[in-house]
PDB file of N, CA and C in Angstrom:
ATOM      1  N   UNK A   1      -6.308   0.271  -7.678  1.00  0.00           N
ATOM      2  CA  UNK A   1      -7.362  -0.705  -7.533  1.00  0.00           C
ATOM      3  C   UNK A   1      -8.560  -0.230  -8.353  1.00  0.00           C
ATOM      4  N   UNK A   2      -9.236  -1.186  -8.964  1.00  0.00           N
ATOM      5  CA  UNK A   2     -10.344  -0.885  -9.865  1.00  0.00           C
ATOM      6  C   UNK A   2     -11.561  -1.712  -9.452  1.00  0.00           C
ATOM      7  N   UNK A   3     -12.730  -1.089  -9.418  1.00  0.00           N
ATOM      8  CA  UNK A   3     -13.958  -1.833  -9.168  1.00  0.00           C
ATOM      9  C   UNK A   3     -14.219  -2.749 -10.352  1.00  0.00           C
ATOM     10  N   UNK A   4     -14.608  -3.995 -10.066  1.00  0.00           N
ATOM     11  CA  UNK A   4     -14.788  -5.000 -11.109  1.00  0.00           C
ATOM     12  C   UNK A   4     -16.035  -5.834 -10.830  1.00  0.00           C
ATOM     13  N   UNK A   5     -16.416  -6.630 -11.838  1.00  0.00           N
ATOM     14  CA  UNK A   5     -17.543  -7.544 -11.646  1.00  0.00           C
ATOM     15  C   UNK A   5     -17.024  -8.908 -11.187  1.00  0.00           C
ATOM     16  N   UNK A   6     -17.904  -9.876 -11.119  1.00  0.00           N
ATOM     17  CA  UNK A   6     -17.534 -11.195 -10.595  1.00  0.00           C
ATOM     18  C   UNK A   6     -16.605 -11.974 -11.522  1.00  0.00           C
ATOM     19  N   UNK A   7     -16.306 -11.436 -12.694  1.00  0.00           N
ATOM     20  CA  UNK A   7     -15.344 -12.064 -13.602  1.00  0.00           C
ATOM     21  C   UNK A   7     -14.020 -11.314 -13.609  1.00  0.00           C
ATOM     22  N   UNK A   8     -13.929 -10.249 -12.806  1.00  0.00           N
ATOM     23  CA  UNK A   8     -12.716  -9.454 -12.743  1.00  0.00           C
ATOM     24  C   UNK A   8     -12.625  -8.370 -13.793  1.00  0.00           C
ATOM     25  N   UNK A   9     -13.707  -8.151 -14.539  1.00  0.00           N
ATOM     26  CA  UNK A   9     -13.724  -7.129 -15.588  1.00  0.00           C
ATOM     27  C   UNK A   9     -14.068  -5.779 -14.966  1.00  0.00           C
ATOM     28  N   UNK A  10     -13.272  -4.740 -15.229  1.00  0.00           N
ATOM     29  CA  UNK A  10     -13.586  -3.420 -14.697  1.00  0.00           C
ATOM     30  C   UNK A  10     -15.003  -2.971 -15.089  1.00  0.00           C
ATOM     31  N   UNK A  11     -15.681  -2.329 -14.151  1.00  0.00           N
ATOM     32  CA  UNK A  11     -17.065  -1.900 -14.383  1.00  0.00           C
ATOM     33  C   UNK A  11     -17.139  -0.390 -14.590  1.00  0.00           C
ATOM     34  N   UNK A  12     -18.235   0.039 -15.196  1.00  0.00           N
ATOM     35  CA  UNK A  12     -18.459   1.449 -15.512  1.00  0.00           C
ATOM     36  C   UNK A  12     -19.812   1.872 -14.955  1.00  0.00           C
ATOM     37  N   UNK A  13     -19.849   3.000 -14.259  1.00  0.00           N
ATOM     38  CA  UNK A  13     -21.095   3.463 -13.670  1.00  0.00           C
ATOM     39  C   UNK A  13     -21.555   4.789 -14.254  1.00  0.00           C
ATOM     40  N   UNK A  14     -20.971   5.231 -15.324  1.00  0.00           N
ATOM     41  CA  UNK A  14     -21.347   6.523 -15.906  1.00  0.00           C
ATOM     42  C   UNK A  14     -22.854   6.655 -16.061  1.00  0.00           C
ATOM     43  N   UNK A  15     -23.403   7.663 -15.444  1.00  0.00           N
ATOM     44  CA  UNK A  15     -24.853   7.854 -15.502  1.00  0.00           C
ATOM     45  C   UNK A  15     -25.256   8.432 -16.855  1.00  0.00           C
ATOM     46  N   UNK A  16     -26.310   7.895 -17.414  1.00  0.00           N
ATOM     47  CA  UNK A  16     -26.893   8.376 -18.662  1.00  0.00           C
ATOM     48  C   UNK A  16     -25.937   8.297 -19.849  1.00  0.00           C
ATOM     49  N   UNK A  17     -24.939   7.427 -19.767  1.00  0.00           N
ATOM     50  CA  UNK A  17     -24.038   7.228 -20.890  1.00  0.00           C
ATOM     51  C   UNK A  17     -23.865   5.732 -21.116  1.00  0.00           C
ATOM     52  N   UNK A  18     -23.572   5.386 -22.345  1.00  0.00           N
ATOM     53  CA  UNK A  18     -23.369   3.981 -22.688  1.00  0.00           C
ATOM     54  C   UNK A  18     -22.074   3.457 -22.061  1.00  0.00           C
ATOM     55  N   UNK A  19     -22.070   2.187 -21.763  1.00  0.00           N
ATOM     56  CA  UNK A  19     -20.868   1.542 -21.218  1.00  0.00           C
ATOM     57  C   UNK A  19     -19.826   1.455 -22.333  1.00  0.00           C
ATOM     58  N   UNK A  20     -18.638   1.998 -22.113  1.00  0.00           N
ATOM     59  CA  UNK A  20     -17.594   1.927 -23.146  1.00  0.00           C
ATOM     60  C   UNK A  20     -17.232   0.483 -23.478  1.00  0.00           C
ATOM     61  N   UNK A  21     -16.874   0.279 -24.730  1.00  0.00           N
ATOM     62  CA  UNK A  21     -16.468  -1.058 -25.175  1.00  0.00           C
ATOM     63  C   UNK A  21     -15.312  -1.549 -24.323  1.00  0.00           C
ATOM     64  N   UNK A  22     -15.403  -2.788 -23.892  1.00  0.00           N
ATOM     65  CA  UNK A  22     -14.350  -3.401 -23.091  1.00  0.00           C
ATOM     66  C   UNK A  22     -14.658  -3.418 -21.603  1.00  0.00           C
ATOM     67  N   UNK A  23     -15.506  -2.500 -21.144  1.00  0.00           N
ATOM     68  CA  UNK A  23     -15.871  -2.464 -19.730  1.00  0.00           C
ATOM     69  C   UNK A  23     -17.201  -3.171 -19.521  1.00  0.00           C
ATOM     70  N   UNK A  24     -17.467  -3.554 -18.292  1.00  0.00           N
ATOM     71  CA  UNK A  24     -18.727  -4.197 -17.943  1.00  0.00           C
ATOM     72  C   UNK A  24     -19.636  -3.160 -17.276  1.00  0.00           C
ATOM     73  N   UNK A  25     -20.949  -3.330 -17.393  1.00  0.00           N
ATOM     74  CA  UNK A  25     -21.844  -2.412 -16.680  1.00  0.00           C
ATOM     75  C   UNK A  25     -21.743  -2.631 -15.180  1.00  0.00           C
ATOM     76  N   UNK A  26     -22.057  -1.606 -14.419  1.00  0.00           N
ATOM     77  CA  UNK A  26     -22.082  -1.716 -12.964  1.00  0.00           C
ATOM     78  C   UNK A  26     -23.103  -2.785 -12.600  1.00  0.00           C
ATOM     79  N   UNK A  27     -22.755  -3.765 -11.757  1.00  0.00           N
ATOM     80  CA  UNK A  27     -23.691  -4.850 -11.431  1.00  0.00           C
ATOM     81  C   UNK A  27     -24.932  -4.318 -10.715  1.00  0.00           C
ATOM     82  N   UNK A  28     -26.095  -4.698 -11.220  1.00  0.00           N
ATOM     83  CA  UNK A  28     -27.349  -4.244 -10.620  1.00  0.00           C
ATOM     84  C   UNK A  28     -27.483  -4.716  -9.178  1.00  0.00           C
ATOM     85  N   UNK A  29     -26.926  -5.889  -8.873  1.00  0.00           N
ATOM     86  CA  UNK A  29     -27.040  -6.418  -7.516  1.00  0.00           C
ATOM     87  C   UNK A  29     -25.937  -5.885  -6.597  1.00  0.00           C
ATOM     88  N   UNK A  30     -25.103  -4.963  -7.122  1.00  0.00           N
ATOM     89  CA  UNK A  30     -24.025  -4.345  -6.351  1.00  0.00           C
ATOM     90  C   UNK A  30     -23.014  -5.359  -5.817  1.00  0.00           C
ATOM     91  N   UNK A  31     -22.929  -6.526  -6.454  1.00  0.00           N
ATOM     92  CA  UNK A  31     -21.938  -7.530  -6.055  1.00  0.00           C
ATOM     93  C   UNK A  31     -20.613  -7.139  -6.687  1.00  0.00           C
ATOM     94  N   UNK A  32     -19.839  -6.335  -5.965  1.00  0.00           N
ATOM     95  CA  UNK A  32     -18.615  -5.764  -6.509  1.00  0.00           C
ATOM     96  C   UNK A  32     -17.365  -6.487  -6.038  1.00  0.00           C
ATOM     97  N   UNK A  33     -16.376  -6.403  -6.859  1.00  0.00           N
ATOM     98  CA  UNK A  33     -15.055  -6.938  -6.577  1.00  0.00           C
ATOM     99  C   UNK A  33     -14.054  -5.812  -6.802  1.00  0.00           C
ATOM    100  N   UNK A  34     -12.854  -5.982  -6.295  1.00  0.00           N
ATOM    101  CA  UNK A  34     -11.790  -5.021  -6.517  1.00  0.00           C
ATOM    102  C   UNK A  34     -10.642  -5.734  -7.209  1.00  0.00           C
ATOM    103  N   UNK A  35     -10.215  -5.175  -8.328  1.00  0.00           N
ATOM    104  CA  UNK A  35      -9.151  -5.745  -9.148  1.00  0.00           C
ATOM    105  C   UNK A  35      -7.876  -4.945  -8.955  1.00  0.00           C
ATOM    106  N   UNK A  36      -6.778  -5.637  -8.705  1.00  0.00           N
ATOM    107  CA  UNK A  36      -5.467  -4.993  -8.695  1.00  0.00           C
ATOM    108  C   UNK A  36      -4.942  -5.062 -10.126  1.00  0.00           C
ATOM    109  N   UNK A  37      -4.824  -3.908 -10.798  1.00  0.00           N
ATOM    110  CA  UNK A  37      -4.403  -3.929 -12.196  1.00  0.00           C
ATOM    111  C   UNK A  37      -2.938  -4.314 -12.396  1.00  0.00           C
ATOM    112  N   UNK A  38      -2.165  -4.341 -11.329  1.00  0.00           N
ATOM    113  CA  UNK A  38      -0.752  -4.709 -11.446  1.00  0.00           C
ATOM    114  C   UNK A  38      -0.533  -6.211 -11.401  1.00  0.00           C
ATOM    115  N   UNK A  39      -1.208  -6.874 -10.459  1.00  0.00           N
ATOM    116  CA  UNK A  39      -0.921  -8.293 -10.251  1.00  0.00           C
ATOM    117  C   UNK A  39      -2.069  -9.229 -10.647  1.00  0.00           C
ATOM    118  N   UNK A  40      -3.268  -8.679 -10.876  1.00  0.00           N
ATOM    119  CA  UNK A  40      -4.397  -9.507 -11.286  1.00  0.00           C
ATOM    120  C   UNK A  40      -5.160 -10.159 -10.157  1.00  0.00           C
ATOM    121  N   UNK A  41      -4.828  -9.802  -8.911  1.00  0.00           N
ATOM    122  CA  UNK A  41      -5.615 -10.341  -7.794  1.00  0.00           C
ATOM    123  C   UNK A  41      -6.973  -9.650  -7.760  1.00  0.00           C
ATOM    124  N   UNK A  42      -8.007 -10.452  -7.470  1.00  0.00           N
ATOM    125  CA  UNK A  42      -9.366  -9.924  -7.393  1.00  0.00           C
ATOM    126  C   UNK A  42      -9.912 -10.253  -6.008  1.00  0.00           C
ATOM    127  N   UNK A  43     -10.457  -9.242  -5.366  1.00  0.00           N
ATOM    128  CA  UNK A  43     -10.982  -9.366  -4.006  1.00  0.00           C
ATOM    129  C   UNK A  43     -12.485  -9.093  -4.028  1.00  0.00           C
ATOM    130  N   UNK A  44     -13.235  -9.837  -3.246  1.00  0.00           N
ATOM    131  CA  UNK A  44     -14.684  -9.622  -3.179  1.00  0.00           C
ATOM    132  C   UNK A  44     -14.981  -8.589  -2.098  1.00  0.00           C
ATOM    133  N   UNK A  45     -15.599  -7.487  -2.487  1.00  0.00           N
ATOM    134  CA  UNK A  45     -15.848  -6.391  -1.570  1.00  0.00           C
ATOM    135  C   UNK A  45     -16.700  -6.802  -0.369  1.00  0.00           C
ATOM    136  N   UNK A  46     -17.704  -7.657  -0.585  1.00  0.00           N
ATOM    137  CA  UNK A  46     -18.577  -8.075   0.514  1.00  0.00           C
ATOM    138  C   UNK A  46     -17.789  -8.835   1.583  1.00  0.00           C
ATOM    139  N   UNK A  47     -16.820  -9.625   1.173  1.00  0.00           N
ATOM    140  CA  UNK A  47     -15.997 -10.373   2.125  1.00  0.00           C
ATOM    141  C   UNK A  47     -15.110  -9.410   2.907  1.00  0.00           C
ATOM    142  N   UNK A  48     -14.537  -8.433   2.217  1.00  0.00           N
ATOM    143  CA  UNK A  48     -13.698  -7.440   2.894  1.00  0.00           C
ATOM    144  C   UNK A  48     -14.513  -6.714   3.962  1.00  0.00           C
ATOM    145  N   UNK A  49     -15.734  -6.301   3.610  1.00  0.00           N
ATOM    146  CA  UNK A  49     -16.596  -5.595   4.557  1.00  0.00           C
ATOM    147  C   UNK A  49     -16.965  -6.496   5.737  1.00  0.00           C
ATOM    148  N   UNK A  50     -17.197  -7.775   5.459  1.00  0.00           N
ATOM    149  CA  UNK A  50     -17.653  -8.702   6.497  1.00  0.00           C
ATOM    150  C   UNK A  50     -16.552  -9.076   7.481  1.00  0.00           C
ATOM    151  N   UNK A  51     -15.361  -9.383   6.961  1.00  0.00           N
ATOM    152  CA  UNK A  51     -14.321  -9.903   7.858  1.00  0.00           C
ATOM    153  C   UNK A  51     -13.188  -8.913   8.114  1.00  0.00           C
ATOM    154  N   UNK A  52     -13.165  -7.805   7.367  1.00  0.00           N
ATOM    155  CA  UNK A  52     -12.156  -6.787   7.614  1.00  0.00           C
ATOM    156  C   UNK A  52     -10.785  -7.070   7.025  1.00  0.00           C
ATOM    157  N   UNK A  53     -10.668  -8.138   6.278  1.00  0.00           N
ATOM    158  CA  UNK A  53      -9.417  -8.432   5.575  1.00  0.00           C
ATOM    159  C   UNK A  53      -9.751  -8.680   4.107  1.00  0.00           C
ATOM    160  N   UNK A  54      -8.730  -8.780   3.292  1.00  0.00           N
ATOM    161  CA  UNK A  54      -8.946  -8.908   1.855  1.00  0.00           C
ATOM    162  C   UNK A  54      -8.329 -10.188   1.297  1.00  0.00           C
ATOM    163  N   UNK A  55      -8.956 -11.331   1.557  1.00  0.00           N
ATOM    164  CA  UNK A  55      -8.436 -12.561   0.944  1.00  0.00           C
ATOM    165  C   UNK A  55      -8.690 -12.536  -0.561  1.00  0.00           C
ATOM    166  N   UNK A  56      -7.779 -13.098  -1.308  1.00  0.00           N
ATOM    167  CA  UNK A  56      -7.903 -13.133  -2.762  1.00  0.00           C
ATOM    168  C   UNK A  56      -9.016 -14.098  -3.150  1.00  0.00           C
ATOM    169  N   UNK A  57      -9.990 -13.603  -3.926  1.00  0.00           N
ATOM    170  CA  UNK A  57     -11.082 -14.451  -4.402  1.00  0.00           C
ATOM    171  C   UNK A  57     -10.613 -15.285  -5.594  1.00  0.00           C
ATOM    172  N   UNK A  58      -9.899 -14.644  -6.518  1.00  0.00           N
ATOM    173  CA  UNK A  58      -9.333 -15.329  -7.680  1.00  0.00           C
ATOM    174  C   UNK A  58      -8.345 -14.387  -8.347  1.00  0.00           C
ATOM    175  N   UNK A  59      -7.659 -14.891  -9.358  1.00  0.00           N
ATOM    176  CA  UNK A  59      -6.686 -14.086 -10.111  1.00  0.00           C
ATOM    177  C   UNK A  59      -7.063 -14.096 -11.583  1.00  0.00           C
ATOM    178  N   UNK A  60      -6.715 -13.005 -12.250  1.00  0.00           N
ATOM    179  CA  UNK A  60      -6.933 -12.905 -13.688  1.00  0.00           C
ATOM    180  C   UNK A  60      -5.635 -12.444 -14.349  1.00  0.00           C
ATOM    181  N   UNK A  61      -5.515 -12.706 -15.628  1.00  0.00           N
ATOM    182  CA  UNK A  61      -4.349 -12.259 -16.386  1.00  0.00           C
ATOM    183  C   UNK A  61      -4.589 -10.830 -16.851  1.00  0.00           C
ATOM    184  N   UNK A  62      -3.832  -9.890 -16.320  1.00  0.00           N
ATOM    185  CA  UNK A  62      -4.000  -8.478 -16.669  1.00  0.00           C
ATOM    186  C   UNK A  62      -2.969  -8.024 -17.702  1.00  0.00           C
ATOM    187  N   UNK A  63      -2.179  -8.948 -18.213  1.00  0.00           N
ATOM    188  CA  UNK A  63      -1.093  -8.570 -19.110  1.00  0.00           C
ATOM    189  C   UNK A  63      -1.489  -8.566 -20.575  1.00  0.00           C
ATOM    190  N   UNK A  64      -2.568  -9.227 -20.928  1.00  0.00           N
ATOM    191  CA  UNK A  64      -2.951  -9.319 -22.339  1.00  0.00           C
ATOM    192  C   UNK A  64      -4.439  -9.587 -22.463  1.00  0.00           C
ATOM    193  N   UNK A  65      -4.930  -9.506 -23.673  1.00  0.00           N
ATOM    194  CA  UNK A  65      -6.310  -9.862 -23.956  1.00  0.00           C
ATOM    195  C   UNK A  65      -7.312  -8.824 -23.500  1.00  0.00           C
ATOM    196  N   UNK A  66      -8.558  -9.258 -23.365  1.00  0.00           N
ATOM    197  CA  UNK A  66      -9.638  -8.331 -23.060  1.00  0.00           C
ATOM    198  C   UNK A  66      -9.486  -7.615 -21.712  1.00  0.00           C
ATOM    199  N   UNK A  67      -8.921  -8.273 -20.724  1.00  0.00           N
ATOM    200  CA  UNK A  67      -8.762  -7.601 -19.425  1.00  0.00           C
ATOM    201  C   UNK A  67      -7.722  -6.493 -19.489  1.00  0.00           C
ATOM    202  N   UNK A  68      -6.638  -6.722 -20.186  1.00  0.00           N
ATOM    203  CA  UNK A  68      -5.634  -5.668 -20.345  1.00  0.00           C
ATOM    204  C   UNK A  68      -6.245  -4.473 -21.074  1.00  0.00           C
ATOM    205  N   UNK A  69      -7.055  -4.728 -22.085  1.00  0.00           N
ATOM    206  CA  UNK A  69      -7.715  -3.652 -22.823  1.00  0.00           C
ATOM    207  C   UNK A  69      -8.728  -2.929 -21.933  1.00  0.00           C
ATOM    208  N   UNK A  70      -9.481  -3.682 -21.130  1.00  0.00           N
ATOM    209  CA  UNK A  70     -10.464  -3.060 -20.233  1.00  0.00           C
ATOM    210  C   UNK A  70      -9.774  -2.156 -19.212  1.00  0.00           C
ATOM    211  N   UNK A  71      -8.638  -2.573 -18.712  1.00  0.00           N
ATOM    212  CA  UNK A  71      -7.884  -1.744 -17.768  1.00  0.00           C
ATOM    213  C   UNK A  71      -7.424  -0.462 -18.459  1.00  0.00           C
ATOM    214  N   UNK A  72      -6.946  -0.580 -19.694  1.00  0.00           N
ATOM    215  CA  UNK A  72      -6.523   0.601 -20.441  1.00  0.00           C
ATOM    216  C   UNK A  72      -7.695   1.564 -20.648  1.00  0.00           C
ATOM    217  N   UNK A  73      -8.850   1.024 -21.029  1.00  0.00           N
ATOM    218  CA  UNK A  73     -10.042   1.861 -21.219  1.00  0.00           C
ATOM    219  C   UNK A  73     -10.413   2.542 -19.910  1.00  0.00           C
ATOM    220  N   UNK A  74     -10.389   1.794 -18.825  1.00  0.00           N
ATOM    221  CA  UNK A  74     -10.701   2.359 -17.506  1.00  0.00           C
ATOM    222  C   UNK A  74      -9.773   3.534 -17.192  1.00  0.00           C
ATOM    223  N   UNK A  75      -8.470   3.363 -17.370  1.00  0.00           N
ATOM    224  CA  UNK A  75      -7.521   4.429 -17.055  1.00  0.00           C
ATOM    225  C   UNK A  75      -7.710   5.615 -17.980  1.00  0.00           C
ATOM    226  N   UNK A  76      -8.033   5.358 -19.260  1.00  0.00           N
ATOM    227  CA  UNK A  76      -8.260   6.462 -20.196  1.00  0.00           C
ATOM    228  C   UNK A  76      -9.454   7.309 -19.765  1.00  0.00           C
ATOM    229  N   UNK A  77     -10.502   6.673 -19.286  1.00  0.00           N
ATOM    230  CA  UNK A  77     -11.697   7.397 -18.837  1.00  0.00           C
ATOM    231  C   UNK A  77     -11.436   8.131 -17.541  1.00  0.00           C
ATOM    232  N   UNK A  78     -10.651   7.524 -16.673  1.00  0.00           N
ATOM    233  CA  UNK A  78     -10.397   8.092 -15.340  1.00  0.00           C
ATOM    234  C   UNK A  78      -9.452   9.282 -15.350  1.00  0.00           C
ATOM    235  N   UNK A  79      -8.698   9.453 -16.411  1.00  0.00           N
ATOM    236  CA  UNK A  79      -7.737  10.554 -16.437  1.00  0.00           C
ATOM    237  C   UNK A  79      -8.202  11.723 -17.266  1.00  0.00           C
TER     238      UNK A  79
END
């Protein structure tokens, strides 16, 4: 699972460093989502905290395009 913004794009919180290409900056309002990199389901963290379950907010295509690249960048940084 990957922290994401409201568009499902993985976010980066690296302090004092530039946001890597392909990732989104950490949302200033802390409105976070969680992205499943396998299936593309995106869950809103505030809803999970409020109701204790994780209903799917929306889905994104994680197999190609900018989101697939952002996931790759995220994993490269995390390892």
